Amino acid sequence: MTDEENGSKNCLCMAGRNFLQILSEMEEKKENGRVIFGSIEGPFFSRATFSCMVRVGFEGESR
């Protein structure tokens, strides 16, 4: 496995762990939605920028 492949798998692992942390924080604070944004370094000096709304619960459910 190349260093680049290891780096991308590490990045995906960290992103997954960060997402689970966000879900945990939302549960503790009794939030049902949160906007998240950030960027991820890619190969060849590239960068991916993202923003999204994370919503938890069932449609029509209120907390």
N, C-alpha and C. Protein backbone atom coordinates (compact mmCIF):
# COMPACT_ATOMS: atom_id res chain seq x y z
N MET A 1 0.86 -1.17 0.00
CA MET A 1 0.00 0.00 0.00
C MET A 1 0.90 1.24 0.00
N THR A 2 0.59 2.21 -0.85
CA THR A 2 1.41 3.41 -0.95
C THR A 2 1.09 4.38 0.17
N ASP A 3 1.98 5.35 0.38
CA ASP A 3 1.74 6.39 1.39
C ASP A 3 0.48 7.17 1.07
N GLU A 4 0.24 7.42 -0.23
CA GLU A 4 -0.96 8.17 -0.63
C GLU A 4 -2.23 7.40 -0.26
N GLU A 5 -2.23 6.07 -0.48
CA GLU A 5 -3.39 5.26 -0.11
C GLU A 5 -3.57 5.26 1.40
N ASN A 6 -2.49 5.14 2.16
CA ASN A 6 -2.58 5.18 3.61
C ASN A 6 -3.11 6.53 4.08
N GLY A 7 -2.67 7.61 3.45
CA GLY A 7 -3.12 8.94 3.82
C GLY A 7 -4.60 9.13 3.58
N SER A 8 -5.11 8.63 2.45
CA SER A 8 -6.53 8.80 2.16
C SER A 8 -7.38 7.95 3.10
N LYS A 9 -6.90 6.76 3.47
CA LYS A 9 -7.65 5.92 4.41
C LYS A 9 -7.62 6.56 5.80
N ASN A 10 -6.48 7.14 6.19
CA ASN A 10 -6.40 7.85 7.46
C ASN A 10 -7.36 9.01 7.49
N CYS A 11 -7.43 9.76 6.40
CA CYS A 11 -8.31 10.91 6.30
C CYS A 11 -9.77 10.47 6.44
N LEU A 12 -10.14 9.40 5.75
CA LEU A 12 -11.51 8.89 5.84
C LEU A 12 -11.83 8.42 7.26
N CYS A 13 -10.87 7.79 7.91
CA CYS A 13 -11.06 7.33 9.27
C CYS A 13 -11.28 8.52 10.21
N MET A 14 -10.47 9.54 10.06
CA MET A 14 -10.60 10.73 10.89
C MET A 14 -11.93 11.44 10.63
N ALA A 15 -12.34 11.51 9.36
CA ALA A 15 -13.61 12.14 9.02
C ALA A 15 -14.76 11.38 9.66
N GLY A 16 -14.70 10.05 9.63
CA GLY A 16 -15.74 9.23 10.26
C GLY A 16 -15.78 9.44 11.76
N ARG A 17 -14.61 9.52 12.38
CA ARG A 17 -14.55 9.73 13.83
C ARG A 17 -15.07 11.12 14.18
N ASN A 18 -14.71 12.13 13.38
CA ASN A 18 -15.21 13.49 13.62
C ASN A 18 -16.72 13.55 13.49
N PHE A 19 -17.28 12.84 12.50
CA PHE A 19 -18.73 12.83 12.31
C PHE A 19 -19.41 12.18 13.51
N LEU A 20 -18.86 11.09 14.00
CA LEU A 20 -19.45 10.44 15.18
C LEU A 20 -19.36 11.36 16.40
N GLN A 21 -18.30 12.14 16.51
CA GLN A 21 -18.17 13.11 17.60
C GLN A 21 -19.26 14.17 17.50
N ILE A 22 -19.53 14.64 16.29
CA ILE A 22 -20.58 15.62 16.07
C ILE A 22 -21.93 15.05 16.49
N LEU A 23 -22.22 13.81 16.10
CA LEU A 23 -23.48 13.18 16.48
C LEU A 23 -23.59 13.04 18.00
N SER A 24 -22.50 12.69 18.65
CA SER A 24 -22.49 12.56 20.10
C SER A 24 -22.78 13.90 20.77
N GLU A 25 -22.13 14.96 20.30
CA GLU A 25 -22.37 16.30 20.85
C GLU A 25 -23.81 16.73 20.64
N MET A 26 -24.36 16.44 19.46
CA MET A 26 -25.75 16.80 19.17
C MET A 26 -26.69 16.08 20.13
N GLU A 27 -26.42 14.81 20.40
CA GLU A 27 -27.27 14.06 21.32
C GLU A 27 -27.20 14.65 22.72
N GLU A 28 -26.00 14.98 23.19
CA GLU A 28 -25.84 15.55 24.53
C GLU A 28 -26.57 16.87 24.67
N LYS A 29 -26.55 17.70 23.61
CA LYS A 29 -27.16 19.02 23.65
C LYS A 29 -28.62 19.01 23.21
N LYS A 30 -29.14 17.80 22.91
CA LYS A 30 -30.53 17.63 22.45
C LYS A 30 -30.82 18.44 21.18
N GLU A 31 -29.82 18.52 20.29
CA GLU A 31 -29.99 19.21 19.01
C GLU A 31 -30.50 18.21 17.97
N ASN A 32 -31.34 18.67 17.07
CA ASN A 32 -31.76 17.78 16.00
C ASN A 32 -31.22 18.22 14.65
N GLY A 33 -30.44 19.30 14.61
CA GLY A 33 -29.82 19.74 13.36
C GLY A 33 -28.61 20.61 13.63
N ARG A 34 -27.64 20.53 12.73
CA ARG A 34 -26.43 21.35 12.85
C ARG A 34 -25.81 21.50 11.47
N VAL A 35 -25.33 22.69 11.17
CA VAL A 35 -24.61 22.94 9.93
C VAL A 35 -23.13 22.70 10.21
N ILE A 36 -22.49 21.91 9.37
CA ILE A 36 -21.05 21.68 9.51
C ILE A 36 -20.37 22.06 8.20
N PHE A 37 -19.12 22.49 8.31
CA PHE A 37 -18.35 22.86 7.12
C PHE A 37 -16.88 22.66 7.41
N GLY A 38 -16.12 22.54 6.35
CA GLY A 38 -14.68 22.35 6.50
C GLY A 38 -14.03 22.11 5.17
N SER A 39 -12.79 21.65 5.22
CA SER A 39 -12.06 21.32 4.00
C SER A 39 -11.11 20.17 4.28
N ILE A 40 -10.79 19.45 3.24
CA ILE A 40 -9.91 18.29 3.33
C ILE A 40 -8.83 18.43 2.26
N GLU A 41 -7.58 18.24 2.67
CA GLU A 41 -6.47 18.27 1.72
C GLU A 41 -6.52 17.02 0.83
N GLY A 42 -6.25 17.21 -0.44
CA GLY A 42 -6.24 16.09 -1.37
C GLY A 42 -4.88 15.96 -2.04
N PRO A 43 -4.77 15.06 -3.01
CA PRO A 43 -3.50 14.87 -3.70
C PRO A 43 -3.20 16.05 -4.65
N PHE A 44 -1.93 16.22 -4.97
CA PHE A 44 -1.49 17.21 -5.95
C PHE A 44 -1.93 18.63 -5.59
N PHE A 45 -1.79 19.00 -4.32
CA PHE A 45 -2.10 20.35 -3.85
C PHE A 45 -3.57 20.72 -4.01
N SER A 46 -4.45 19.73 -4.02
CA SER A 46 -5.89 20.01 -4.14
C SER A 46 -6.52 20.07 -2.75
N ARG A 47 -7.69 20.66 -2.70
CA ARG A 47 -8.42 20.77 -1.45
C ARG A 47 -9.92 20.68 -1.77
N ALA A 48 -10.64 19.90 -1.00
CA ALA A 48 -12.10 19.81 -1.14
C ALA A 48 -12.72 20.59 0.01
N THR A 49 -13.64 21.48 -0.32
CA THR A 49 -14.34 22.27 0.68
C THR A 49 -15.79 21.80 0.70
N PHE A 50 -16.36 21.68 1.91
CA PHE A 50 -17.72 21.17 2.02
C PHE A 50 -18.51 21.93 3.08
N SER A 51 -19.81 21.89 2.94
CA SER A 51 -20.73 22.35 3.99
C SER A 51 -22.00 21.53 3.83
N CYS A 52 -22.61 21.21 4.96
CA CYS A 52 -23.84 20.43 4.90
C CYS A 52 -24.63 20.59 6.19
N MET A 53 -25.87 20.17 6.16
CA MET A 53 -26.75 20.19 7.32
C MET A 53 -26.92 18.77 7.79
N VAL A 54 -26.59 18.50 9.04
CA VAL A 54 -26.79 17.18 9.63
C VAL A 54 -28.07 17.24 10.45
N ARG A 55 -29.01 16.36 10.14
CA ARG A 55 -30.27 16.31 10.87
C ARG A 55 -30.47 14.91 11.40
N VAL A 56 -30.89 14.79 12.65
CA VAL A 56 -31.13 13.50 13.27
C VAL A 56 -32.57 13.44 13.76
N GLY A 57 -33.10 12.23 13.82
CA GLY A 57 -34.48 12.05 14.26
C GLY A 57 -35.34 11.61 13.11
N PHE A 58 -36.62 11.60 13.36
CA PHE A 58 -37.59 11.20 12.35
C PHE A 58 -38.34 12.41 11.85
N GLU A 59 -38.74 12.37 10.58
CA GLU A 59 -39.49 13.47 10.00
C GLU A 59 -40.76 13.71 10.82
N GLY A 60 -41.00 14.95 11.14
CA GLY A 60 -42.19 15.29 11.92
C GLY A 60 -41.98 15.22 13.42
N GLU A 61 -40.86 14.66 13.86
CA GLU A 61 -40.55 14.55 15.28
C GLU A 61 -40.00 15.88 15.78
N SER A 62 -40.43 16.32 16.94
CA SER A 62 -39.86 17.53 17.53
C SER A 62 -39.33 17.21 18.91
N ARG A 63 -38.29 17.94 19.30
CA ARG A 63 -37.67 17.72 20.61
C ARG A 63 -37.99 18.85 21.52
